[in-house]
C-alpha atoms as a PDB file:
ATOM      1  CA  MET A   1       7.574  -0.786  18.418  1.00  0.00           C
ATOM      2  CA  ILE A   2       8.054   2.942  17.795  1.00  0.00           C
ATOM      3  CA  MET A   3       5.009   3.019  15.501  1.00  0.00           C
ATOM      4  CA  LYS A   4       2.885   1.356  18.201  1.00  0.00           C
ATOM      5  CA  LYS A   5       3.912   4.030  20.724  1.00  0.00           C
ATOM      6  CA  ILE A   6       3.096   6.828  18.277  1.00  0.00           C
ATOM      7  CA  ILE A   7      -0.351   5.399  17.538  1.00  0.00           C
ATOM      8  CA  ALA A   8      -1.043   4.844  21.264  1.00  0.00           C
ATOM      9  CA  ALA A   9      -0.088   8.443  22.054  1.00  0.00           C
ATOM     10  CA  ALA A  10      -2.296   9.745  19.264  1.00  0.00           C
ATOM     11  CA  LEU A  11      -5.241   7.710  20.527  1.00  0.00           C
ATOM     12  CA  LEU A  12      -4.823   9.225  23.985  1.00  0.00           C
ATOM     13  CA  ILE A  13      -4.918  12.685  22.442  1.00  0.00           C
ATOM     14  CA  VAL A  14      -8.084  11.784  20.573  1.00  0.00           C
ATOM     15  CA  ALA A  15      -9.714  10.615  23.808  1.00  0.00           C
ATOM     16  CA  PHE A  16      -9.212  14.008  25.500  1.00  0.00           C
ATOM     17  CA  VAL A  17     -10.333  16.204  22.625  1.00  0.00           C
ATOM     18  CA  THR A  18     -14.038  17.069  22.488  1.00  0.00           C
ATOM     19  CA  PRO A  19     -15.939  15.396  19.636  1.00  0.00           C
ATOM     20  CA  SER A  20     -17.095  18.781  18.306  1.00  0.00           C
ATOM     21  CA  ARG A  21     -13.521  19.561  17.290  1.00  0.00           C
ATOM     22  CA  ALA A  22     -12.992  16.336  15.399  1.00  0.00           C
ATOM     23  CA  GLN A  23     -13.794  15.760  11.732  1.00  0.00           C
ATOM     24  CA  PHE A  24     -14.683  12.418  10.192  1.00  0.00           C
ATOM     25  CA  LYS A  25     -15.007  12.098   6.414  1.00  0.00           C
ATOM     26  CA  PHE A  26     -15.708   9.248   4.002  1.00  0.00           C
ATOM     27  CA  GLY A  27     -14.416   9.188   0.437  1.00  0.00           C
ATOM     28  CA  LEU A  28     -13.224   7.239  -2.600  1.00  0.00           C
ATOM     29  CA  GLN A  29      -9.562   6.851  -3.548  1.00  0.00           C
ATOM     30  CA  ALA A  30      -7.810   5.724  -6.736  1.00  0.00           C
ATOM     31  CA  GLY A  31      -4.212   5.764  -7.880  1.00  0.00           C
ATOM     32  CA  LEU A  32      -1.300   4.300  -9.790  1.00  0.00           C
ATOM     33  CA  ASN A  33       1.400   1.844  -8.677  1.00  0.00           C
ATOM     34  CA  LEU A  34       4.924   1.880 -10.100  1.00  0.00           C
ATOM     35  CA  SER A  35       6.267  -1.374  -8.722  1.00  0.00           C
ATOM     36  CA  SER A  36       9.847  -2.550  -8.276  1.00  0.00           C
ATOM     37  CA  VAL A  37      10.234  -6.304  -7.754  1.00  0.00           C
ATOM     38  CA  SER A  38      13.246  -7.290  -5.644  1.00  0.00           C
ATOM     39  CA  THR A  39      14.236 -10.966  -5.783  1.00  0.00           C
ATOM     40  CA  LYS A  40      16.207 -13.333  -3.583  1.00  0.00           C
ATOM     41  CA  ASN A  41      17.988 -16.365  -5.094  1.00  0.00           C
ATOM     42  CA  PHE A  42      16.406 -15.656  -8.475  1.00  0.00           C
ATOM     43  CA  SER A  43      18.793 -14.626 -11.237  1.00  0.00           C
ATOM     44  CA  ASP A  44      16.456 -13.091 -13.844  1.00  0.00           C
ATOM     45  CA  ASP A  45      15.849  -9.337 -13.864  1.00  0.00           C
ATOM     46  CA  ILE A  46      12.298  -8.074 -13.390  1.00  0.00           C
ATOM     47  CA  ASN A  47      11.443  -4.644 -14.773  1.00  0.00           C
ATOM     48  CA  SER A  48       8.944  -2.186 -13.316  1.00  0.00           C
ATOM     49  CA  ARG A  49       5.376  -2.082 -14.609  1.00  0.00           C
ATOM     50  CA  THR A  50       2.466   0.244 -13.820  1.00  0.00           C
ATOM     51  CA  GLY A  51      -0.554  -1.006 -11.871  1.00  0.00           C
ATOM     52  CA  PHE A  52      -3.454   0.605 -10.044  1.00  0.00           C
ATOM     53  CA  PHE A  53      -5.538   0.625  -6.863  1.00  0.00           C
ATOM     54  CA  VAL A  54      -9.050   1.798  -5.984  1.00  0.00           C
ATOM     55  CA  GLY A  55     -11.436   1.681  -3.037  1.00  0.00           C
ATOM     56  CA  PRO A  56     -13.187   3.484  -0.170  1.00  0.00           C
ATOM     57  CA  THR A  57     -11.247   5.579   2.333  1.00  0.00           C
ATOM     58  CA  VAL A  58     -11.941   7.435   5.576  1.00  0.00           C
ATOM     59  CA  LYS A  59     -10.074  10.096   7.531  1.00  0.00           C
ATOM     60  CA  PHE A  60     -10.365  11.364  11.074  1.00  0.00           C
ATOM     61  CA  THR A  61      -8.686  14.676  11.895  1.00  0.00           C
ATOM     62  CA  LEU A  62      -8.255  16.967  14.886  1.00  0.00           C
ATOM     63  CA  PRO A  63      -7.922  20.434  13.321  1.00  0.00           C
ATOM     64  CA  VAL A  64      -6.719  22.122  16.501  1.00  0.00           C
ATOM     65  CA  ILE A  65      -3.507  20.110  16.711  1.00  0.00           C
ATOM     66  CA  GLY A  66      -3.218  18.862  13.124  1.00  0.00           C
ATOM     67  CA  ILE A  67      -3.063  15.153  13.985  1.00  0.00           C
ATOM     68  CA  GLY A  68      -5.280  12.597  12.302  1.00  0.00           C
ATOM     69  CA  PHE A  69      -5.639   9.133  10.838  1.00  0.00           C
ATOM     70  CA  ASP A  70      -6.706   7.716   7.529  1.00  0.00           C
ATOM     71  CA  ALA A  71      -7.577   4.170   6.535  1.00  0.00           C
ATOM     72  CA  SER A  72      -8.622   2.536   3.271  1.00  0.00           C
ATOM     73  CA  VAL A  73      -9.734  -0.791   1.835  1.00  0.00           C
ATOM     74  CA  LEU A  74      -8.220  -0.978  -1.645  1.00  0.00           C
ATOM     75  CA  TYR A  75      -8.262  -3.434  -4.513  1.00  0.00           C
ATOM     76  CA  ASP A  76      -4.583  -3.347  -5.537  1.00  0.00           C
ATOM     77  CA  HIS A  77      -2.930  -4.595  -8.746  1.00  0.00           C
ATOM     78  CA  ARG A  78       0.882  -4.633  -9.078  1.00  0.00           C
ATOM     79  CA  GLU A  79       3.097  -5.932 -11.885  1.00  0.00           C
ATOM     80  CA  GLY A  80       6.682  -6.535 -12.941  1.00  0.00           C
ATOM     81  CA  ASN A  81       7.926  -7.826 -16.298  1.00  0.00           C
ATOM     82  CA  SER A  82      10.481 -10.639 -16.763  1.00  0.00           C
ATOM     83  CA  LYS A  83      11.640 -12.452 -19.885  1.00  0.00           C
ATOM     84  CA  TRP A  84       9.469 -15.381 -18.801  1.00  0.00           C
ATOM     85  CA  GLY A  85       6.271 -13.352 -18.410  1.00  0.00           C
ATOM     86  CA  THR A  86       4.492 -10.836 -16.201  1.00  0.00           C
ATOM     87  CA  VAL A  87       4.902 -11.104 -12.427  1.00  0.00           C
ATOM     88  CA  LYS A  88       1.728  -9.768 -10.834  1.00  0.00           C
ATOM     89  CA  ALA A  89       0.009  -9.564  -7.467  1.00  0.00           C
ATOM     90  CA  GLN A  90      -3.672  -8.818  -6.962  1.00  0.00           C
ATOM     91  CA  SER A  91      -4.717  -8.166  -3.401  1.00  0.00           C
ATOM     92  CA  VAL A  92      -6.871  -6.251  -0.960  1.00  0.00           C
ATOM     93  CA  GLN A  93      -4.657  -3.720   0.824  1.00  0.00           C
ATOM     94  CA  ILE A  94      -5.585  -1.992   4.098  1.00  0.00           C
ATOM     95  CA  PRO A  95      -3.317   0.991   4.884  1.00  0.00           C
ATOM     96  CA  ILE A  96      -3.698   2.709   8.275  1.00  0.00           C
ATOM     97  CA  ASN A  97      -1.754   5.962   8.440  1.00  0.00           C
ATOM     98  CA  LEU A  98      -1.009   8.492  11.133  1.00  0.00           C
ATOM     99  CA  ARG A  99      -0.941  11.961   9.572  1.00  0.00           C
ATOM    100  CA  TYR A 100       0.071  15.458  10.583  1.00  0.00           C
ATOM    101  CA  GLY A 101      -1.253  18.425   8.634  1.00  0.00           C
ATOM    102  CA  PHE A 102      -0.825  22.184   8.588  1.00  0.00           C
ATOM    103  CA  GLY A 103      -3.080  24.596   6.763  1.00  0.00           C
ATOM    104  CA  LEU A 104      -1.855  27.022   4.136  1.00  0.00           C
ATOM    105  CA  SER A 105      -5.295  28.656   4.001  1.00  0.00           C
ATOM    106  CA  ASN A 106      -8.875  27.882   4.965  1.00  0.00           C
ATOM    107  CA  LEU A 107      -9.190  25.684   1.872  1.00  0.00           C
ATOM    108  CA  THR A 108      -5.728  24.114   1.511  1.00  0.00           C
ATOM    109  CA  GLU A 109      -3.769  21.781   3.808  1.00  0.00           C
ATOM    110  CA  LEU A 110      -0.438  19.991   3.435  1.00  0.00           C
ATOM    111  CA  PHE A 111       0.264  16.831   5.420  1.00  0.00           C
ATOM    112  CA  VAL A 112       2.803  14.078   5.967  1.00  0.00           C
ATOM    113  CA  PHE A 113       1.848  10.528   6.845  1.00  0.00           C
ATOM    114  CA  ALA A 114       3.233   7.113   7.750  1.00  0.00           C
ATOM    115  CA  GLY A 115       1.846   3.811   8.889  1.00  0.00           C
ATOM    116  CA  PRO A 116       1.476   0.059   8.416  1.00  0.00           C
ATOM    117  CA  GLN A 117      -0.345  -1.676   5.579  1.00  0.00           C
ATOM    118  CA  PHE A 118      -1.862  -5.154   5.606  1.00  0.00           C
ATOM    119  CA  GLY A 119      -2.444  -7.085   2.383  1.00  0.00           C
ATOM    120  CA  PHE A 120      -4.551 -10.153   1.569  1.00  0.00           C
ATOM    121  CA  VAL A 121      -3.947 -11.826  -1.791  1.00  0.00           C
ATOM    122  CA  VAL A 122      -6.982 -12.630  -3.951  1.00  0.00           C
ATOM    123  CA  GLU A 123      -5.204 -15.234  -6.120  1.00  0.00           C
ATOM    124  CA  ASP A 124      -2.985 -18.191  -5.165  1.00  0.00           C
ATOM    125  CA  GLY A 125      -0.533 -18.223  -8.076  1.00  0.00           C
ATOM    126  CA  TYR A 126      -0.087 -18.727 -11.804  1.00  0.00           C
ATOM    127  CA  TRP A 127       2.262 -20.020 -14.511  1.00  0.00           C
ATOM    128  CA  LEU A 128       4.948 -17.790 -16.002  1.00  0.00           C
ATOM    129  CA  ASP A 129       5.673 -20.365 -18.701  1.00  0.00           C
ATOM    130  CA  SER A 130       5.543 -24.152 -19.065  1.00  0.00           C
ATOM    131  CA  PHE A 131       8.047 -24.758 -16.258  1.00  0.00           C
ATOM    132  CA  ARG A 132       7.973 -21.699 -13.988  1.00  0.00           C
ATOM    133  CA  THR A 133       5.221 -20.657 -11.592  1.00  0.00           C
ATOM    134  CA  VAL A 134       4.635 -17.814  -9.179  1.00  0.00           C
ATOM    135  CA  SER A 135       3.215 -18.731  -5.773  1.00  0.00           C
ATOM    136  CA  LEU A 136       1.799 -15.800  -3.777  1.00  0.00           C
ATOM    137  CA  ASN A 137       1.705 -15.612   0.006  1.00  0.00           C
ATOM    138  CA  GLY A 138      -1.818 -15.378   1.378  1.00  0.00           C
ATOM    139  CA  SER A 139      -1.003 -12.202   3.293  1.00  0.00           C
ATOM    140  CA  ASN A 140       1.752  -9.602   3.378  1.00  0.00           C
ATOM    141  CA  TYR A 141       2.860  -6.672   5.484  1.00  0.00           C
ATOM    142  CA  SER A 142       4.291  -3.332   4.379  1.00  0.00           C
ATOM    143  CA  ALA A 143       4.720   0.288   5.483  1.00  0.00           C
ATOM    144  CA  ASN A 144       3.907   3.658   3.935  1.00  0.00           C
ATOM    145  CA  ILE A 145       5.619   7.020   4.155  1.00  0.00           C
ATOM    146  CA  GLY A 146       4.550  10.017   2.107  1.00  0.00           C
ATOM    147  CA  ILE A 147       3.179  13.516   1.660  1.00  0.00           C
ATOM    148  CA  GLY A 148      -0.121  14.926   0.471  1.00  0.00           C
ATOM    149  CA  ALA A 149      -2.398  17.908   0.130  1.00  0.00           C
ATOM    150  CA  THR A 150      -6.104  18.587   0.601  1.00  0.00           C
ATOM    151  CA  PHE A 151      -7.934  21.184  -1.501  1.00  0.00           C
ATOM    152  CA  LEU A 152     -11.352  22.812  -1.057  1.00  0.00           C
ATOM    153  CA  ASN A 153     -12.058  20.463   1.882  1.00  0.00           C
ATOM    154  CA  HIS A 154     -12.996  17.642  -0.516  1.00  0.00           C
ATOM    155  CA  PHE A 155     -10.120  16.828  -2.895  1.00  0.00           C
ATOM    156  CA  GLN A 156      -6.922  15.070  -1.819  1.00  0.00           C
ATOM    157  CA  ALA A 157      -3.688  14.121  -3.601  1.00  0.00           C
ATOM    158  CA  LYS A 158      -1.022  11.834  -2.094  1.00  0.00           C
ATOM    159  CA  PHE A 159       2.427  10.620  -3.067  1.00  0.00           C
ATOM    160  CA  ASN A 160       4.098   7.836  -1.084  1.00  0.00           C
ATOM    161  CA  TYR A 161       6.484   4.911  -1.050  1.00  0.00           C
ATOM    162  CA  ASN A 162       5.142   1.521   0.028  1.00  0.00           C
ATOM    163  CA  ILE A 163       7.931  -0.635   1.499  1.00  0.00           C
ATOM    164  CA  ALA A 164       7.467  -4.420   1.593  1.00  0.00           C
ATOM    165  CA  LEU A 165       8.337  -5.816   5.031  1.00  0.00           C
ATOM    166  CA  SER A 166       7.496  -9.427   4.163  1.00  0.00           C
ATOM    167  CA  ASP A 167       7.834 -11.597   1.056  1.00  0.00           C
ATOM    168  CA  THR A 168       5.102 -11.213  -1.550  1.00  0.00           C
ATOM    169  CA  GLY A 169       5.664 -14.721  -2.909  1.00  0.00           C
ATOM    170  CA  GLU A 170       8.142 -17.145  -4.456  1.00  0.00           C
ATOM    171  CA  PHE A 171       9.112 -18.606  -7.802  1.00  0.00           C
ATOM    172  CA  THR A 172       8.960 -22.350  -8.372  1.00  0.00           C
ATOM    173  CA  ILE A 173      10.450 -24.296 -11.289  1.00  0.00           C
ATOM    174  CA  LYS A 174      10.243 -27.785 -12.819  1.00  0.00           C
ATOM    175  CA  SER A 175      13.094 -29.451 -14.729  1.00  0.00           C
ATOM    176  CA  ASP A 176      10.475 -31.212 -16.902  1.00  0.00           C
ATOM    177  CA  TYR A 177       6.723 -31.780 -16.990  1.00  0.00           C
ATOM    178  CA  ASN A 178       6.807 -34.775 -14.650  1.00  0.00           C
ATOM    179  CA  ALA A 179       9.236 -33.333 -12.087  1.00  0.00           C
ATOM    180  CA  PRO A 180       8.009 -31.830  -8.803  1.00  0.00           C
ATOM    181  CA  SER A 181       8.205 -28.052  -8.423  1.00  0.00           C
ATOM    182  CA  LYS A 182      11.180 -26.643  -6.528  1.00  0.00           C
ATOM    183  CA  SER A 183      11.656 -23.197  -5.057  1.00  0.00           C
ATOM    184  CA  ALA A 184      13.697 -20.880  -7.291  1.00  0.00           C
ATOM    185  CA  GLY A 185      13.690 -17.821  -5.027  1.00  0.00           C
ATOM    186  CA  SER A 186      11.378 -15.358  -3.306  1.00  0.00           C
ATOM    187  CA  PHE A 187      10.417 -11.784  -4.118  1.00  0.00           C
ATOM    188  CA  LYS A 188       9.108  -8.558  -2.607  1.00  0.00           C
ATOM    189  CA  ILE A 189       7.246  -5.747  -4.355  1.00  0.00           C
ATOM    190  CA  ASN A 190       8.105  -2.185  -3.317  1.00  0.00           C
ATOM    191  CA  THR A 191       5.932   0.489  -4.886  1.00  0.00           C
ATOM    192  CA  TRP A 192       5.832   4.212  -5.578  1.00  0.00           C
ATOM    193  CA  GLN A 193       2.218   5.342  -5.441  1.00  0.00           C
ATOM    194  CA  ILE A 194       0.329   8.453  -6.486  1.00  0.00           C
ATOM    195  CA  SER A 195      -3.360   8.824  -5.718  1.00  0.00           C
ATOM    196  CA  VAL A 196      -6.316  11.160  -5.673  1.00  0.00           C
ATOM    197  CA  ALA A 197      -9.384  11.024  -3.452  1.00  0.00           C
ATOM    198  CA  TYR A 198     -12.682  12.770  -3.086  1.00  0.00           C
ATOM    199  CA  PHE A 199     -14.250  13.139   0.376  1.00  0.00           C
ATOM    200  CA  PHE A 200     -17.983  13.696   0.703  1.00  0.00           C
END
């Protein structure tokens, strides 16, 4: 609810600022995921693994007041490692962030950002071993909070934490080959992310 009010207020500000003051830029973004898999009703530990993400990004800024938005469409790969095999999630992630920046010079800006992220899984599930499977939810919802910097008006670096607000999927298990699968617990993937982008 608070996030909706912030975004609504920012949109009103955008509406009253002349277009000549606004800046719209398109770019490409890539980065690394360090994922932490948290489980519910599943006893085995899952260790962090490194993944990646890549895709197009845009940003819209109002230099006079320092407020802006950025949005991306990213192919995202996340992993965790258990004794049964690798837990992974491949998805298309769409982060939409409200950002506030302040310039250190004409060529350098620091900014903070936060916002929702919407994910759409590109695979249904897979086997961990002969009896255990991972079933992935078709969509998921998360939130970002982080900091970043822009250099030379084209280069950007960001560091953020992506917090899962919905389950990423669940584990299922069979007692033998002929038995039906039963739920063995659900999981969420929270992720530290570092990225770089180039804006044209």
